Amino acid sequence: EFFERTYTWKISFDTPVLTKESKPAKVAQNLPKLENGGQLTFGDGEWKLAHVVAYEVRQFDEIVTKVLVSEKPINMAKLKASLAKDGTDNGIFELQPNITLDIDDNDSLNRVSIWVDGASVSSNADLDGDVVINDGRVRGTAKLSEPGTVSDKTYNFNVSFDLEVMRLPREKR
């Protein structure tokens, strides 16, 4: 009863109980596998990026998933050593055409870093894509919603990925 009126209702549900520590379930089942790789254009050049690696890093007090898409394979031993040392990828810098995507724990694309032809671009503007991280896999697509410009050169990219995420060593989590 409320203000001299009686209200009744009937509710039924079948759902897991969420707590403060719970994260919503992400469903990425029975989907066709995406191709790993993509294209990068910068000025008059175009690069095929055929190598993809996904890994966790520590950024301040959060763990972020990175997807690195590159023209040539990266030095995995160097990446693993950097992650084991301090939980970051600061120990590896690829001097080859590559795109690094930062994905937060809500599966949102937060930042893109591009290195190509001696130029470095880092931005969170005009980034478009869909990503799901589920059961240790990251799956998605990313592109710029409109081409960017740096040093009077236009750049753009379009990538897709579907692979396992390399977890941070337990002591760095």
N, C-alpha and C. Protein backbone atom coordinates (compact mmCIF):
# COMPACT_ATOMS: atom_id res chain seq x y z
N GLU A 1 0.84 -1.18 0.00
CA GLU A 1 0.00 0.00 0.00
C GLU A 1 0.89 1.24 0.00
N PHE A 2 0.42 2.23 -0.76
CA PHE A 2 1.17 3.47 -0.88
C PHE A 2 0.17 4.57 -1.19
N PHE A 3 0.10 5.59 -0.36
CA PHE A 3 -0.85 6.69 -0.52
C PHE A 3 -2.27 6.15 -0.72
N GLU A 4 -2.67 5.27 0.13
CA GLU A 4 -4.03 4.72 0.16
C GLU A 4 -4.40 3.92 -1.09
N ARG A 5 -3.42 3.48 -1.81
CA ARG A 5 -3.67 2.60 -2.96
C ARG A 5 -2.90 1.31 -2.76
N THR A 6 -3.44 0.26 -3.29
CA THR A 6 -2.78 -1.04 -3.20
C THR A 6 -2.25 -1.41 -4.58
N TYR A 7 -0.99 -1.79 -4.61
CA TYR A 7 -0.35 -2.20 -5.85
C TYR A 7 0.08 -3.65 -5.70
N THR A 8 -0.11 -4.43 -6.72
CA THR A 8 0.37 -5.81 -6.72
C THR A 8 1.05 -6.08 -8.05
N TRP A 9 1.98 -6.98 -8.03
CA TRP A 9 2.64 -7.39 -9.25
C TRP A 9 3.22 -8.78 -9.07
N LYS A 10 3.48 -9.39 -10.18
CA LYS A 10 4.07 -10.71 -10.18
C LYS A 10 5.26 -10.67 -11.12
N ILE A 11 6.40 -11.10 -10.63
CA ILE A 11 7.63 -11.07 -11.43
C ILE A 11 8.25 -12.46 -11.39
N SER A 12 8.71 -12.90 -12.53
CA SER A 12 9.49 -14.14 -12.57
C SER A 12 10.70 -13.90 -13.46
N PHE A 13 11.78 -14.58 -13.13
CA PHE A 13 13.00 -14.42 -13.92
C PHE A 13 13.87 -15.65 -13.75
N ASP A 14 14.76 -15.81 -14.70
CA ASP A 14 15.72 -16.89 -14.66
C ASP A 14 17.04 -16.30 -15.14
N THR A 15 17.84 -15.83 -14.22
CA THR A 15 19.08 -15.15 -14.57
C THR A 15 20.10 -15.35 -13.46
N PRO A 16 21.38 -15.31 -13.78
CA PRO A 16 22.38 -15.42 -12.71
C PRO A 16 22.35 -14.18 -11.82
N VAL A 17 22.76 -14.36 -10.58
CA VAL A 17 22.83 -13.25 -9.65
C VAL A 17 24.13 -12.49 -9.91
N LEU A 18 24.02 -11.18 -10.08
CA LEU A 18 25.20 -10.35 -10.30
C LEU A 18 25.59 -9.69 -8.99
N THR A 19 26.88 -9.71 -8.71
CA THR A 19 27.40 -9.04 -7.53
C THR A 19 28.26 -7.87 -7.98
N LYS A 20 28.81 -7.15 -7.03
CA LYS A 20 29.66 -6.01 -7.36
C LYS A 20 30.88 -6.45 -8.18
N GLU A 21 31.33 -7.67 -7.97
CA GLU A 21 32.51 -8.16 -8.68
C GLU A 21 32.17 -8.85 -10.01
N SER A 22 30.89 -9.08 -10.27
CA SER A 22 30.47 -9.79 -11.48
C SER A 22 30.69 -8.93 -12.72
N LYS A 23 30.95 -9.62 -13.79
CA LYS A 23 31.00 -8.97 -15.10
C LYS A 23 29.92 -9.61 -15.95
N PRO A 24 29.24 -8.84 -16.79
CA PRO A 24 28.19 -9.43 -17.63
C PRO A 24 28.76 -10.51 -18.54
N ALA A 25 27.99 -11.53 -18.76
CA ALA A 25 28.40 -12.60 -19.66
C ALA A 25 28.47 -12.06 -21.08
N LYS A 26 29.48 -12.52 -21.80
CA LYS A 26 29.62 -12.11 -23.19
C LYS A 26 29.42 -13.35 -24.04
N VAL A 27 28.62 -13.24 -25.02
CA VAL A 27 28.31 -14.40 -25.86
C VAL A 27 28.95 -14.21 -27.23
N ALA A 28 29.79 -15.14 -27.58
CA ALA A 28 30.42 -15.12 -28.90
C ALA A 28 30.50 -16.55 -29.40
N GLN A 29 29.38 -17.21 -29.42
CA GLN A 29 29.36 -18.61 -29.80
C GLN A 29 28.78 -18.78 -31.20
N ASN A 30 29.23 -19.85 -31.85
CA ASN A 30 28.72 -20.23 -33.17
C ASN A 30 28.85 -19.11 -34.21
N LEU A 31 29.88 -18.31 -34.07
CA LEU A 31 30.13 -17.25 -35.04
C LEU A 31 31.21 -17.71 -36.01
N PRO A 32 31.15 -17.29 -37.25
CA PRO A 32 32.21 -17.68 -38.18
C PRO A 32 33.54 -17.06 -37.74
N LYS A 33 34.62 -17.78 -37.93
CA LYS A 33 35.94 -17.29 -37.55
C LYS A 33 36.32 -16.12 -38.44
N LEU A 34 36.82 -15.07 -37.80
CA LEU A 34 37.29 -13.91 -38.55
C LEU A 34 38.73 -14.13 -39.00
N GLU A 35 39.09 -13.53 -40.10
CA GLU A 35 40.46 -13.59 -40.59
C GLU A 35 41.33 -12.69 -39.72
N ASN A 36 42.56 -13.12 -39.44
CA ASN A 36 43.51 -12.32 -38.69
C ASN A 36 44.35 -11.51 -39.67
N GLY A 37 44.22 -10.19 -39.59
CA GLY A 37 45.03 -9.32 -40.44
C GLY A 37 44.24 -8.13 -40.92
N GLY A 38 44.82 -7.43 -41.89
CA GLY A 38 44.13 -6.27 -42.44
C GLY A 38 45.02 -5.44 -43.33
N GLN A 39 44.58 -4.22 -43.57
CA GLN A 39 45.25 -3.29 -44.47
C GLN A 39 45.53 -1.98 -43.73
N LEU A 40 46.64 -1.36 -44.07
CA LEU A 40 47.02 -0.06 -43.55
C LEU A 40 47.46 0.80 -44.73
N THR A 41 46.91 1.99 -44.83
CA THR A 41 47.36 2.94 -45.85
C THR A 41 47.91 4.17 -45.15
N PHE A 42 48.97 4.71 -45.74
CA PHE A 42 49.60 5.92 -45.22
C PHE A 42 50.20 6.66 -46.40
N GLY A 43 49.67 7.85 -46.66
CA GLY A 43 50.12 8.58 -47.85
C GLY A 43 49.80 7.75 -49.09
N ASP A 44 50.81 7.54 -49.93
CA ASP A 44 50.62 6.75 -51.15
C ASP A 44 50.89 5.27 -50.94
N GLY A 45 51.32 4.88 -49.73
CA GLY A 45 51.68 3.47 -49.49
C GLY A 45 50.54 2.67 -48.90
N GLU A 46 50.58 1.37 -49.19
CA GLU A 46 49.60 0.45 -48.63
C GLU A 46 50.33 -0.80 -48.16
N TRP A 47 50.00 -1.27 -46.95
CA TRP A 47 50.65 -2.42 -46.36
C TRP A 47 49.62 -3.47 -45.98
N LYS A 48 49.97 -4.72 -46.26
CA LYS A 48 49.14 -5.84 -45.81
C LYS A 48 49.70 -6.26 -44.46
N LEU A 49 48.82 -6.29 -43.46
CA LEU A 49 49.22 -6.68 -42.11
C LEU A 49 48.69 -8.09 -41.86
N ALA A 50 49.59 -9.07 -41.91
CA ALA A 50 49.16 -10.47 -41.87
C ALA A 50 49.44 -11.16 -40.54
N HIS A 51 50.11 -10.48 -39.61
CA HIS A 51 50.51 -11.11 -38.34
C HIS A 51 49.80 -10.42 -37.18
N VAL A 52 49.19 -11.24 -36.31
CA VAL A 52 48.40 -10.69 -35.20
C VAL A 52 48.76 -11.43 -33.91
N VAL A 53 48.92 -10.66 -32.85
CA VAL A 53 49.11 -11.23 -31.52
C VAL A 53 48.25 -10.42 -30.55
N ALA A 54 47.66 -11.11 -29.57
CA ALA A 54 46.84 -10.45 -28.56
C ALA A 54 47.43 -10.79 -27.19
N TYR A 55 47.52 -9.79 -26.32
CA TYR A 55 48.13 -10.01 -25.01
C TYR A 55 47.61 -9.00 -24.00
N GLU A 56 47.71 -9.37 -22.73
CA GLU A 56 47.32 -8.47 -21.65
C GLU A 56 48.53 -7.68 -21.19
N VAL A 57 48.28 -6.44 -20.78
CA VAL A 57 49.32 -5.59 -20.17
C VAL A 57 48.72 -4.86 -18.98
N ARG A 58 49.58 -4.41 -18.12
CA ARG A 58 49.15 -3.59 -17.00
C ARG A 58 49.35 -2.13 -17.39
N GLN A 59 48.26 -1.36 -17.31
CA GLN A 59 48.32 0.09 -17.52
C GLN A 59 47.79 0.73 -16.25
N PHE A 60 48.69 1.33 -15.49
CA PHE A 60 48.37 1.88 -14.17
C PHE A 60 47.82 0.74 -13.33
N ASP A 61 46.60 0.82 -12.76
CA ASP A 61 46.09 -0.30 -11.96
C ASP A 61 45.09 -1.15 -12.72
N GLU A 62 45.07 -1.07 -14.02
CA GLU A 62 44.12 -1.85 -14.80
C GLU A 62 44.85 -2.78 -15.76
N ILE A 63 44.16 -3.86 -16.10
CA ILE A 63 44.69 -4.78 -17.11
C ILE A 63 43.93 -4.53 -18.40
N VAL A 64 44.69 -4.29 -19.45
CA VAL A 64 44.15 -3.97 -20.76
C VAL A 64 44.59 -5.06 -21.74
N THR A 65 43.73 -5.38 -22.68
CA THR A 65 44.10 -6.31 -23.74
C THR A 65 44.57 -5.49 -24.94
N LYS A 66 45.70 -5.89 -25.49
CA LYS A 66 46.21 -5.24 -26.70
C LYS A 66 46.17 -6.25 -27.84
N VAL A 67 45.85 -5.74 -29.01
CA VAL A 67 45.93 -6.53 -30.24
C VAL A 67 46.92 -5.81 -31.13
N LEU A 68 48.01 -6.50 -31.46
CA LEU A 68 49.07 -5.94 -32.31
C LEU A 68 48.99 -6.62 -33.67
N VAL A 69 48.74 -5.82 -34.70
CA VAL A 69 48.62 -6.32 -36.06
C VAL A 69 49.80 -5.75 -36.84
N SER A 70 50.63 -6.63 -37.42
CA SER A 70 51.88 -6.16 -38.04
C SER A 70 52.12 -6.80 -39.40
N GLU A 71 53.03 -6.15 -40.13
CA GLU A 71 53.39 -6.65 -41.46
C GLU A 71 54.18 -7.95 -41.37
N LYS A 72 55.12 -8.03 -40.43
CA LYS A 72 55.97 -9.20 -40.23
C LYS A 72 55.77 -9.72 -38.80
N PRO A 73 56.15 -10.95 -38.54
CA PRO A 73 56.01 -11.47 -37.17
C PRO A 73 56.81 -10.61 -36.19
N ILE A 74 56.28 -10.46 -34.98
CA ILE A 74 57.02 -9.70 -33.97
C ILE A 74 57.90 -10.66 -33.17
N ASN A 75 58.81 -10.10 -32.41
CA ASN A 75 59.72 -10.87 -31.59
C ASN A 75 58.98 -11.30 -30.31
N MET A 76 58.43 -12.50 -30.32
CA MET A 76 57.62 -12.99 -29.20
C MET A 76 58.46 -13.17 -27.93
N ALA A 77 59.73 -13.57 -28.06
CA ALA A 77 60.58 -13.74 -26.88
C ALA A 77 60.77 -12.39 -26.18
N LYS A 78 60.96 -11.34 -26.96
CA LYS A 78 61.12 -9.99 -26.40
C LYS A 78 59.82 -9.52 -25.73
N LEU A 79 58.67 -9.79 -26.36
CA LEU A 79 57.39 -9.41 -25.78
C LEU A 79 57.16 -10.15 -24.46
N LYS A 80 57.39 -11.46 -24.44
CA LYS A 80 57.18 -12.24 -23.23
C LYS A 80 58.12 -11.78 -22.11
N ALA A 81 59.36 -11.44 -22.45
CA ALA A 81 60.31 -10.95 -21.44
C ALA A 81 59.84 -9.62 -20.86
N SER A 82 59.32 -8.74 -21.70
CA SER A 82 58.82 -7.45 -21.23
C SER A 82 57.62 -7.64 -20.30
N LEU A 83 56.70 -8.51 -20.67
CA LEU A 83 55.52 -8.78 -19.84
C LEU A 83 55.93 -9.39 -18.50
N ALA A 84 56.91 -10.29 -18.52
CA ALA A 84 57.37 -10.93 -17.29
C ALA A 84 58.12 -9.93 -16.39
N LYS A 85 58.81 -8.99 -17.00
CA LYS A 85 59.61 -8.02 -16.21
C LYS A 85 58.72 -7.08 -15.41
N ASP A 86 57.79 -6.41 -16.07
CA ASP A 86 57.01 -5.39 -15.35
C ASP A 86 55.53 -5.36 -15.74
N GLY A 87 55.07 -6.35 -16.50
CA GLY A 87 53.66 -6.41 -16.87
C GLY A 87 53.27 -5.46 -17.98
N THR A 88 54.26 -4.83 -18.62
CA THR A 88 53.97 -3.92 -19.73
C THR A 88 54.63 -4.43 -21.00
N ASP A 89 54.33 -3.77 -22.11
CA ASP A 89 55.00 -4.09 -23.37
C ASP A 89 56.01 -3.00 -23.72
N ASN A 90 56.46 -2.25 -22.72
CA ASN A 90 57.42 -1.17 -22.97
C ASN A 90 58.76 -1.67 -23.49
N GLY A 91 59.08 -2.95 -23.29
CA GLY A 91 60.35 -3.50 -23.74
C GLY A 91 60.37 -3.90 -25.19
N ILE A 92 59.29 -3.67 -25.89
CA ILE A 92 59.25 -4.03 -27.31
C ILE A 92 58.72 -2.85 -28.12
N PHE A 93 59.43 -2.53 -29.16
CA PHE A 93 58.98 -1.49 -30.08
C PHE A 93 59.29 -1.98 -31.48
N GLU A 94 58.27 -2.18 -32.25
CA GLU A 94 58.40 -2.75 -33.58
C GLU A 94 58.62 -1.65 -34.62
N LEU A 95 59.77 -1.67 -35.28
CA LEU A 95 60.06 -0.72 -36.36
C LEU A 95 59.64 -1.33 -37.69
N GLN A 96 58.37 -1.60 -37.79
CA GLN A 96 57.76 -2.14 -39.00
C GLN A 96 56.32 -1.64 -39.01
N PRO A 97 55.67 -1.62 -40.15
CA PRO A 97 54.28 -1.18 -40.18
C PRO A 97 53.43 -2.03 -39.22
N ASN A 98 52.76 -1.35 -38.27
CA ASN A 98 51.93 -2.07 -37.31
C ASN A 98 50.88 -1.16 -36.70
N ILE A 99 49.84 -1.81 -36.18
CA ILE A 99 48.74 -1.14 -35.50
C ILE A 99 48.57 -1.84 -34.16
N THR A 100 48.47 -1.08 -33.08
CA THR A 100 48.18 -1.65 -31.77
C THR A 100 46.86 -1.07 -31.29
N LEU A 101 45.94 -1.96 -30.93
CA LEU A 101 44.64 -1.56 -30.40
C LEU A 101 44.59 -1.84 -28.91
N ASP A 102 44.14 -0.88 -28.11
CA ASP A 102 43.94 -1.06 -26.68
C ASP A 102 42.46 -1.30 -26.43
N ILE A 103 42.16 -2.40 -25.73
CA ILE A 103 40.77 -2.79 -25.45
C ILE A 103 40.60 -2.88 -23.94
N ASP A 104 39.63 -2.16 -23.39
CA ASP A 104 39.43 -2.17 -21.94
C ASP A 104 38.61 -3.36 -21.48
N ASP A 105 38.35 -3.46 -20.17
CA ASP A 105 37.63 -4.61 -19.64
C ASP A 105 36.14 -4.61 -19.96
N ASN A 106 35.66 -3.56 -20.63
CA ASN A 106 34.28 -3.52 -21.12
C ASN A 106 34.22 -3.83 -22.61
N ASP A 107 35.31 -4.35 -23.16
CA ASP A 107 35.42 -4.70 -24.58
C ASP A 107 35.27 -3.48 -25.48
N SER A 108 35.73 -2.34 -25.02
CA SER A 108 35.68 -1.11 -25.83
C SER A 108 37.06 -0.79 -26.37
N LEU A 109 37.11 -0.41 -27.64
CA LEU A 109 38.36 0.05 -28.25
C LEU A 109 38.66 1.44 -27.69
N ASN A 110 39.76 1.56 -26.97
CA ASN A 110 40.09 2.84 -26.33
C ASN A 110 41.11 3.66 -27.09
N ARG A 111 42.03 2.99 -27.75
CA ARG A 111 43.12 3.73 -28.36
C ARG A 111 43.71 2.90 -29.49
N VAL A 112 44.22 3.61 -30.47
CA VAL A 112 44.97 2.97 -31.54
C VAL A 112 46.33 3.66 -31.64
N SER A 113 47.36 2.85 -31.82
CA SER A 113 48.70 3.37 -32.07
C SER A 113 49.16 2.78 -33.39
N ILE A 114 49.68 3.63 -34.25
CA ILE A 114 50.11 3.19 -35.58
C ILE A 114 51.56 3.61 -35.75
N TRP A 115 52.38 2.70 -36.27
CA TRP A 115 53.73 3.05 -36.66
C TRP A 115 53.91 2.57 -38.09
N VAL A 116 54.28 3.51 -38.97
CA VAL A 116 54.48 3.17 -40.37
C VAL A 116 55.37 4.22 -41.02
N ASP A 117 56.31 3.78 -41.83
CA ASP A 117 57.11 4.68 -42.66
C ASP A 117 57.75 5.81 -41.84
N GLY A 118 58.21 5.48 -40.61
CA GLY A 118 58.87 6.47 -39.75
C GLY A 118 57.91 7.39 -39.00
N ALA A 119 56.62 7.25 -39.21
CA ALA A 119 55.63 8.10 -38.53
C ALA A 119 54.94 7.30 -37.43
N SER A 120 54.61 8.00 -36.35
CA SER A 120 53.91 7.38 -35.23
C SER A 120 52.65 8.18 -34.94
N VAL A 121 51.51 7.48 -34.85
CA VAL A 121 50.23 8.12 -34.57
C VAL A 121 49.59 7.38 -33.40
N SER A 122 49.07 8.12 -32.46
CA SER A 122 48.35 7.54 -31.34
C SER A 122 47.10 8.37 -31.10
N SER A 123 45.93 7.71 -31.07
CA SER A 123 44.69 8.46 -30.98
C SER A 123 43.57 7.61 -30.40
N ASN A 124 42.57 8.27 -29.88
CA ASN A 124 41.34 7.57 -29.49
C ASN A 124 40.15 8.16 -30.23
N ALA A 125 40.41 9.01 -31.21
CA ALA A 125 39.35 9.65 -31.99
C ALA A 125 39.06 8.82 -33.25
N ASP A 126 37.81 8.85 -33.67
CA ASP A 126 37.39 8.23 -34.93
C ASP A 126 37.66 6.74 -35.02
N LEU A 127 37.75 6.06 -33.88
CA LEU A 127 37.98 4.63 -33.85
C LEU A 127 36.63 3.90 -33.82
N ASP A 128 36.47 2.94 -34.71
CA ASP A 128 35.20 2.26 -34.85
C ASP A 128 35.45 0.75 -34.90
N GLY A 129 34.60 -0.03 -34.25
CA GLY A 129 34.76 -1.47 -34.31
C GLY A 129 33.91 -2.18 -33.29
N ASP A 130 33.90 -3.48 -33.38
CA ASP A 130 33.19 -4.35 -32.45
C ASP A 130 34.17 -5.39 -31.94
N VAL A 131 34.22 -5.53 -30.62
CA VAL A 131 35.16 -6.47 -30.00
C VAL A 131 34.44 -7.24 -28.89
N VAL A 132 34.77 -8.53 -28.78
CA VAL A 132 34.31 -9.35 -27.66
C VAL A 132 35.51 -10.15 -27.17
N ILE A 133 35.73 -10.09 -25.85
CA ILE A 133 36.75 -10.94 -25.22
C ILE A 133 35.97 -11.93 -24.37
N ASN A 134 36.16 -13.22 -24.68
CA ASN A 134 35.38 -14.26 -24.01
C ASN A 134 36.21 -15.54 -23.95
N ASP A 135 36.26 -16.15 -22.78
CA ASP A 135 36.97 -17.42 -22.60
C ASP A 135 38.39 -17.39 -23.14
N GLY A 136 39.12 -16.30 -22.88
CA GLY A 136 40.51 -16.22 -23.28
C GLY A 136 40.75 -15.92 -24.74
N ARG A 137 39.70 -15.55 -25.47
CA ARG A 137 39.83 -15.20 -26.89
C ARG A 137 39.35 -13.78 -27.11
N VAL A 138 39.96 -13.12 -28.06
CA VAL A 138 39.49 -11.80 -28.48
C VAL A 138 39.08 -11.93 -29.94
N ARG A 139 37.93 -11.35 -30.24
CA ARG A 139 37.37 -11.44 -31.59
C ARG A 139 36.79 -10.09 -31.95
N GLY A 140 37.12 -9.60 -33.15
CA GLY A 140 36.51 -8.34 -33.53
C GLY A 140 37.08 -7.73 -34.79
N THR A 141 36.63 -6.51 -35.01
CA THR A 141 37.07 -5.72 -36.15
C THR A 141 37.35 -4.30 -35.66
N ALA A 142 38.21 -3.61 -36.37
CA ALA A 142 38.51 -2.21 -36.03
C ALA A 142 38.90 -1.47 -37.30
N LYS A 143 38.51 -0.21 -37.32
CA LYS A 143 38.85 0.66 -38.45
C LYS A 143 38.67 2.10 -37.97
N LEU A 144 39.07 3.02 -38.80
CA LEU A 144 38.80 4.42 -38.53
C LEU A 144 37.46 4.78 -39.16
N SER A 145 36.66 5.54 -38.47
CA SER A 145 35.37 5.95 -39.04
C SER A 145 35.58 6.94 -40.18
N GLU A 146 36.70 7.66 -40.14
CA GLU A 146 37.10 8.50 -41.27
C GLU A 146 38.62 8.60 -41.25
N PRO A 147 39.26 8.70 -42.41
CA PRO A 147 40.72 8.74 -42.46
C PRO A 147 41.30 9.88 -41.62
N GLY A 148 42.48 9.63 -41.06
CA GLY A 148 43.18 10.64 -40.29
C GLY A 148 44.26 11.29 -41.14
N THR A 149 44.83 12.37 -40.63
CA THR A 149 45.90 13.07 -41.33
C THR A 149 47.01 13.41 -40.34
N VAL A 150 48.25 13.14 -40.73
CA VAL A 150 49.42 13.52 -39.95
C VAL A 150 50.53 13.89 -40.94
N SER A 151 51.21 15.00 -40.68
CA SER A 151 52.30 15.46 -41.56
C SER A 151 51.85 15.52 -43.02
N ASP A 152 50.67 16.04 -43.26
CA ASP A 152 50.11 16.18 -44.60
C ASP A 152 49.90 14.85 -45.34
N LYS A 153 49.89 13.75 -44.59
CA LYS A 153 49.62 12.44 -45.19
C LYS A 153 48.35 11.86 -44.56
N THR A 154 47.53 11.26 -45.40
CA THR A 154 46.31 10.62 -44.94
C THR A 154 46.60 9.17 -44.59
N TYR A 155 45.99 8.70 -43.51
CA TYR A 155 46.16 7.31 -43.12
C TYR A 155 44.80 6.69 -42.80
N ASN A 156 44.75 5.36 -42.95
CA ASN A 156 43.52 4.63 -42.67
C ASN A 156 43.88 3.17 -42.46
N PHE A 157 43.02 2.43 -41.80
CA PHE A 157 43.24 1.00 -41.64
C PHE A 157 41.92 0.28 -41.45
N ASN A 158 41.97 -1.02 -41.67
CA ASN A 158 40.82 -1.90 -41.48
C ASN A 158 41.39 -3.27 -41.11
N VAL A 159 41.11 -3.75 -39.88
CA VAL A 159 41.65 -5.02 -39.44
C VAL A 159 40.56 -5.89 -38.82
N SER A 160 40.81 -7.20 -38.81
CA SER A 160 39.95 -8.14 -38.09
C SER A 160 40.85 -9.13 -37.37
N PHE A 161 40.32 -9.74 -36.32
CA PHE A 161 41.14 -10.64 -35.51
C PHE A 161 40.22 -11.60 -34.76
N ASP A 162 40.77 -12.79 -34.52
CA ASP A 162 40.05 -13.84 -33.80
C ASP A 162 41.13 -14.80 -33.29
N LEU A 163 41.58 -14.59 -32.05
CA LEU A 163 42.69 -15.37 -31.54
C LEU A 163 42.72 -15.40 -30.02
N GLU A 164 43.56 -16.29 -29.48
CA GLU A 164 43.74 -16.38 -28.04
C GLU A 164 44.51 -15.18 -27.53
N VAL A 165 44.17 -14.79 -26.29
CA VAL A 165 44.86 -13.69 -25.62
C VAL A 165 45.94 -14.29 -24.73
N MET A 166 47.19 -13.83 -24.89
CA MET A 166 48.27 -14.24 -24.02
C MET A 166 48.09 -13.52 -22.68
N ARG A 167 47.89 -14.29 -21.62
CA ARG A 167 47.62 -13.72 -20.30
C ARG A 167 48.92 -13.22 -19.67
N LEU A 168 48.78 -12.21 -18.84
CA LEU A 168 49.91 -11.71 -18.07
C LEU A 168 50.37 -12.80 -17.09
N PRO A 169 51.65 -12.86 -16.80
CA PRO A 169 52.08 -13.80 -15.76
C PRO A 169 51.34 -13.50 -14.45
N ARG A 170 51.01 -14.53 -13.72
CA ARG A 170 50.19 -14.40 -12.50
C ARG A 170 50.72 -13.34 -11.55
N GLU A 171 52.02 -13.27 -11.35
CA GLU A 171 52.58 -12.31 -10.40
C GLU A 171 52.50 -10.87 -10.88
N LYS A 172 52.17 -10.64 -12.15
CA LYS A 172 52.04 -9.28 -12.70
C LYS A 172 50.59 -8.84 -12.80
N ARG A 173 49.65 -9.70 -12.46
CA ARG A 173 48.22 -9.36 -12.54
C ARG A 173 47.78 -8.47 -11.45
